[in-house]
C-alpha atoms as a PDB file:
ATOM      1  CA  GLN A   1       0.000   0.000   0.000  1.00  0.00           C
ATOM      2  CA  VAL A   2       1.283   3.449  -0.933  1.00  0.00           C
ATOM      3  CA  GLN A   3      -0.180   6.759   0.167  1.00  0.00           C
ATOM      4  CA  LEU A   4       0.690   9.943  -1.694  1.00  0.00           C
ATOM      5  CA  VAL A   5       0.359  13.604  -0.696  1.00  0.00           C
ATOM      6  CA  GLU A   6       1.086  16.451  -3.102  1.00  0.00           C
ATOM      7  CA  SER A   7       2.219  19.904  -2.062  1.00  0.00           C
ATOM      8  CA  GLY A   8       3.773  23.011  -3.534  1.00  0.00           C
ATOM      9  CA  GLY A   9       0.937  24.204  -5.721  1.00  0.00           C
ATOM     10  CA  GLY A  10      -0.171  27.804  -5.861  1.00  0.00           C
ATOM     11  CA  LEU A  11      -0.238  30.880  -8.034  1.00  0.00           C
ATOM     12  CA  VAL A  12       2.765  31.542 -10.269  1.00  0.00           C
ATOM     13  CA  GLN A  13       3.412  34.031 -13.029  1.00  0.00           C
ATOM     14  CA  ALA A  14       4.026  32.819 -16.542  1.00  0.00           C
ATOM     15  CA  GLY A  15       7.750  32.418 -17.030  1.00  0.00           C
ATOM     16  CA  GLY A  16       8.400  31.863 -13.348  1.00  0.00           C
ATOM     17  CA  SER A  17       9.021  28.559 -11.594  1.00  0.00           C
ATOM     18  CA  LEU A  18       7.325  26.242  -9.141  1.00  0.00           C
ATOM     19  CA  ARG A  19       8.253  22.917  -7.607  1.00  0.00           C
ATOM     20  CA  LEU A  20       5.660  20.344  -6.717  1.00  0.00           C
ATOM     21  CA  SER A  21       6.382  17.581  -4.229  1.00  0.00           C
ATOM     22  CA  CYS A  22       4.786  14.178  -3.849  1.00  0.00           C
ATOM     23  CA  ALA A  23       5.460  12.660  -0.445  1.00  0.00           C
ATOM     24  CA  ALA A  24       4.851   8.947  -0.065  1.00  0.00           C
ATOM     25  CA  SER A  25       4.378   6.538   2.765  1.00  0.00           C
ATOM     26  CA  GLY A  26       4.935   2.812   2.490  1.00  0.00           C
ATOM     27  CA  ARG A  27       8.095   0.744   2.570  1.00  0.00           C
ATOM     28  CA  THR A  28       7.631  -0.425  -1.025  1.00  0.00           C
ATOM     29  CA  PHE A  29       7.549   3.081  -2.530  1.00  0.00           C
ATOM     30  CA  SER A  30      10.989   2.698  -4.078  1.00  0.00           C
ATOM     31  CA  THR A  31       9.683  -0.195  -6.196  1.00  0.00           C
ATOM     32  CA  TYR A  32       7.035   1.966  -7.907  1.00  0.00           C
ATOM     33  CA  SER A  33       7.266   4.262 -10.886  1.00  0.00           C
ATOM     34  CA  VAL A  34       5.613   7.611 -10.197  1.00  0.00           C
ATOM     35  CA  GLY A  35       3.764   9.775 -12.649  1.00  0.00           C
ATOM     36  CA  TRP A  36       2.431  13.300 -12.589  1.00  0.00           C
ATOM     37  CA  PHE A  37      -0.920  13.997 -14.210  1.00  0.00           C
ATOM     38  CA  ARG A  38      -3.048  17.093 -14.436  1.00  0.00           C
ATOM     39  CA  GLN A  39      -6.675  17.955 -14.962  1.00  0.00           C
ATOM     40  CA  ALA A  40      -8.013  21.328 -16.014  1.00  0.00           C
ATOM     41  CA  PRO A  41     -11.685  22.278 -15.600  1.00  0.00           C
ATOM     42  CA  GLY A  42     -13.827  20.585 -18.235  1.00  0.00           C
ATOM     43  CA  LYS A  43     -10.938  18.485 -19.529  1.00  0.00           C
ATOM     44  CA  GLU A  44      -9.829  14.913 -19.077  1.00  0.00           C
ATOM     45  CA  ARG A  45      -6.937  14.011 -16.846  1.00  0.00           C
ATOM     46  CA  GLU A  46      -3.732  14.049 -18.880  1.00  0.00           C
ATOM     47  CA  PHE A  47      -0.265  12.648 -18.483  1.00  0.00           C
ATOM     48  CA  VAL A  48       2.557  15.061 -17.646  1.00  0.00           C
ATOM     49  CA  ALA A  49       5.658  13.024 -16.716  1.00  0.00           C
ATOM     50  CA  VAL A  50       6.772   9.693 -15.277  1.00  0.00           C
ATOM     51  CA  ILE A  51       9.912   8.496 -13.523  1.00  0.00           C
ATOM     52  CA  SER A  52      10.965   4.880 -13.069  1.00  0.00           C
ATOM     53  CA  TRP A  53      11.411   3.299  -9.661  1.00  0.00           C
ATOM     54  CA  GLY A  54      15.152   3.929  -9.582  1.00  0.00           C
ATOM     55  CA  GLY A  55      15.000   7.312 -11.273  1.00  0.00           C
ATOM     56  CA  GLY A  56      16.997   6.154 -14.277  1.00  0.00           C
ATOM     57  CA  SER A  57      14.212   6.622 -16.802  1.00  0.00           C
ATOM     58  CA  THR A  58      11.937   9.587 -17.352  1.00  0.00           C
ATOM     59  CA  TYR A  59       9.384  10.466 -19.978  1.00  0.00           C
ATOM     60  CA  TYR A  60       7.466  13.672 -20.627  1.00  0.00           C
ATOM     61  CA  ALA A  61       4.417  14.830 -22.475  1.00  0.00           C
ATOM     62  CA  ASP A  62       5.391  16.919 -25.492  1.00  0.00           C
ATOM     63  CA  SER A  63       3.574  19.897 -24.008  1.00  0.00           C
ATOM     64  CA  VAL A  64       5.982  20.111 -21.040  1.00  0.00           C
ATOM     65  CA  LYS A  65       9.196  18.676 -22.474  1.00  0.00           C
ATOM     66  CA  GLY A  66      12.104  21.018 -21.919  1.00  0.00           C
ATOM     67  CA  ARG A  67      10.222  23.023 -19.282  1.00  0.00           C
ATOM     68  CA  PHE A  68       9.326  20.507 -16.566  1.00  0.00           C
ATOM     69  CA  THR A  69      11.668  18.074 -14.823  1.00  0.00           C
ATOM     70  CA  ILE A  70      10.640  15.057 -12.773  1.00  0.00           C
ATOM     71  CA  SER A  71      12.992  13.647 -10.151  1.00  0.00           C
ATOM     72  CA  ARG A  72      12.837  11.486  -7.056  1.00  0.00           C
ATOM     73  CA  ASP A  73      14.649  10.940  -3.781  1.00  0.00           C
ATOM     74  CA  ASN A  74      13.801   7.455  -2.552  1.00  0.00           C
ATOM     75  CA  ALA A  75      15.568   8.059   0.752  1.00  0.00           C
ATOM     76  CA  LYS A  76      13.068  10.855   1.387  1.00  0.00           C
ATOM     77  CA  LEU A  77      10.172   8.970  -0.226  1.00  0.00           C
ATOM     78  CA  THR A  78       9.524  12.012  -2.386  1.00  0.00           C
ATOM     79  CA  VAL A  79       9.055  12.737  -6.073  1.00  0.00           C
ATOM     80  CA  TYR A  80       9.347  16.259  -7.446  1.00  0.00           C
ATOM     81  CA  LEU A  81       8.067  18.102 -10.473  1.00  0.00           C
ATOM     82  CA  GLN A  82      10.085  21.216 -11.235  1.00  0.00           C
ATOM     83  CA  MET A  83       8.013  23.520 -13.400  1.00  0.00           C
ATOM     84  CA  ASN A  84      10.064  26.144 -15.229  1.00  0.00           C
ATOM     85  CA  SER A  85       8.630  28.723 -17.595  1.00  0.00           C
ATOM     86  CA  PRO A  86       5.047  27.684 -16.888  1.00  0.00           C
ATOM     87  CA  LYS A  87       2.328  28.914 -19.219  1.00  0.00           C
ATOM     88  CA  PRO A  88      -1.316  29.787 -18.499  1.00  0.00           C
ATOM     89  CA  GLU A  89      -2.326  26.571 -20.256  1.00  0.00           C
ATOM     90  CA  ASP A  90      -0.468  24.629 -17.537  1.00  0.00           C
ATOM     91  CA  THR A  91      -3.147  25.713 -15.062  1.00  0.00           C
ATOM     92  CA  ALA A  92      -4.720  22.584 -13.586  1.00  0.00           C
ATOM     93  CA  VAL A  93      -4.955  20.358 -10.564  1.00  0.00           C
ATOM     94  CA  TYR A  94      -1.785  18.265 -10.499  1.00  0.00           C
ATOM     95  CA  TYR A  95      -1.823  14.709  -9.194  1.00  0.00           C
ATOM     96  CA  CYS A  96       0.943  12.252  -8.506  1.00  0.00           C
ATOM     97  CA  ALA A  97       0.292   8.551  -8.831  1.00  0.00           C
ATOM     98  CA  ALA A  98       2.204   5.292  -8.398  1.00  0.00           C
ATOM     99  CA  THR A  99       2.354   2.233 -10.609  1.00  0.00           C
ATOM    100  CA  GLN A 100       4.384  -0.956 -10.611  1.00  0.00           C
ATOM    101  CA  GLY A 101       4.823  -0.626 -14.349  1.00  0.00           C
ATOM    102  CA  TYR A 102       6.043   2.371 -16.351  1.00  0.00           C
ATOM    103  CA  ASN A 103       3.164   3.963 -18.169  1.00  0.00           C
ATOM    104  CA  THR A 104       1.541   7.142 -19.392  1.00  0.00           C
ATOM    105  CA  ASP A 105      -2.016   5.758 -19.117  1.00  0.00           C
ATOM    106  CA  PRO A 106      -3.656   6.796 -15.828  1.00  0.00           C
ATOM    107  CA  SER A 107      -5.695   3.582 -15.739  1.00  0.00           C
ATOM    108  CA  PHE A 108      -2.505   1.662 -14.926  1.00  0.00           C
ATOM    109  CA  TYR A 109      -1.874   3.662 -11.754  1.00  0.00           C
ATOM    110  CA  ALA A 110      -3.174   2.100  -8.547  1.00  0.00           C
ATOM    111  CA  TYR A 111      -2.414   4.846  -6.038  1.00  0.00           C
ATOM    112  CA  TRP A 112      -3.226   8.552  -6.300  1.00  0.00           C
ATOM    113  CA  GLY A 113      -2.751  11.664  -4.243  1.00  0.00           C
ATOM    114  CA  GLN A 114      -5.483  14.206  -3.598  1.00  0.00           C
ATOM    115  CA  GLY A 115      -4.075  16.798  -6.001  1.00  0.00           C
ATOM    116  CA  THR A 116      -2.666  20.290  -5.716  1.00  0.00           C
ATOM    117  CA  GLN A 117      -3.894  23.331  -7.641  1.00  0.00           C
ATOM    118  CA  VAL A 118      -1.478  25.178  -9.910  1.00  0.00           C
ATOM    119  CA  THR A 119      -2.593  28.466 -11.412  1.00  0.00           C
ATOM    120  CA  VAL A 120      -0.389  30.267 -13.920  1.00  0.00           C
ATOM    121  CA  SER A 121      -1.179  33.913 -14.497  1.00  0.00           C
ATOM    122  CA  SER A 122      -0.313  35.699 -17.731  1.00  0.00           C
END
């Protein structure tokens, strides 16, 4: 069992930076890949980034590639999403989720956090 709690959301100006954190509980956390997803009002939840259990592999949605960076510190049971040069279209509720595979499809993720709101002003 893995429990996830996101933090770090808030209001940020376009072109600024923000770092989201996903704190986990559960001794098996280091065996899970972790993904970040987001959902804007009236839209479906979409994939943002994923990192493998050991941190050696990462993959990004085209819309955030080159601007966002996912990383993890298994000793701290935490995964991060560094958001640089955010745009107004990045405004959404951001969720972290854990899977024993390595996937961009949210249906493969068994554990989810409650989400944190990110609002990017122009």
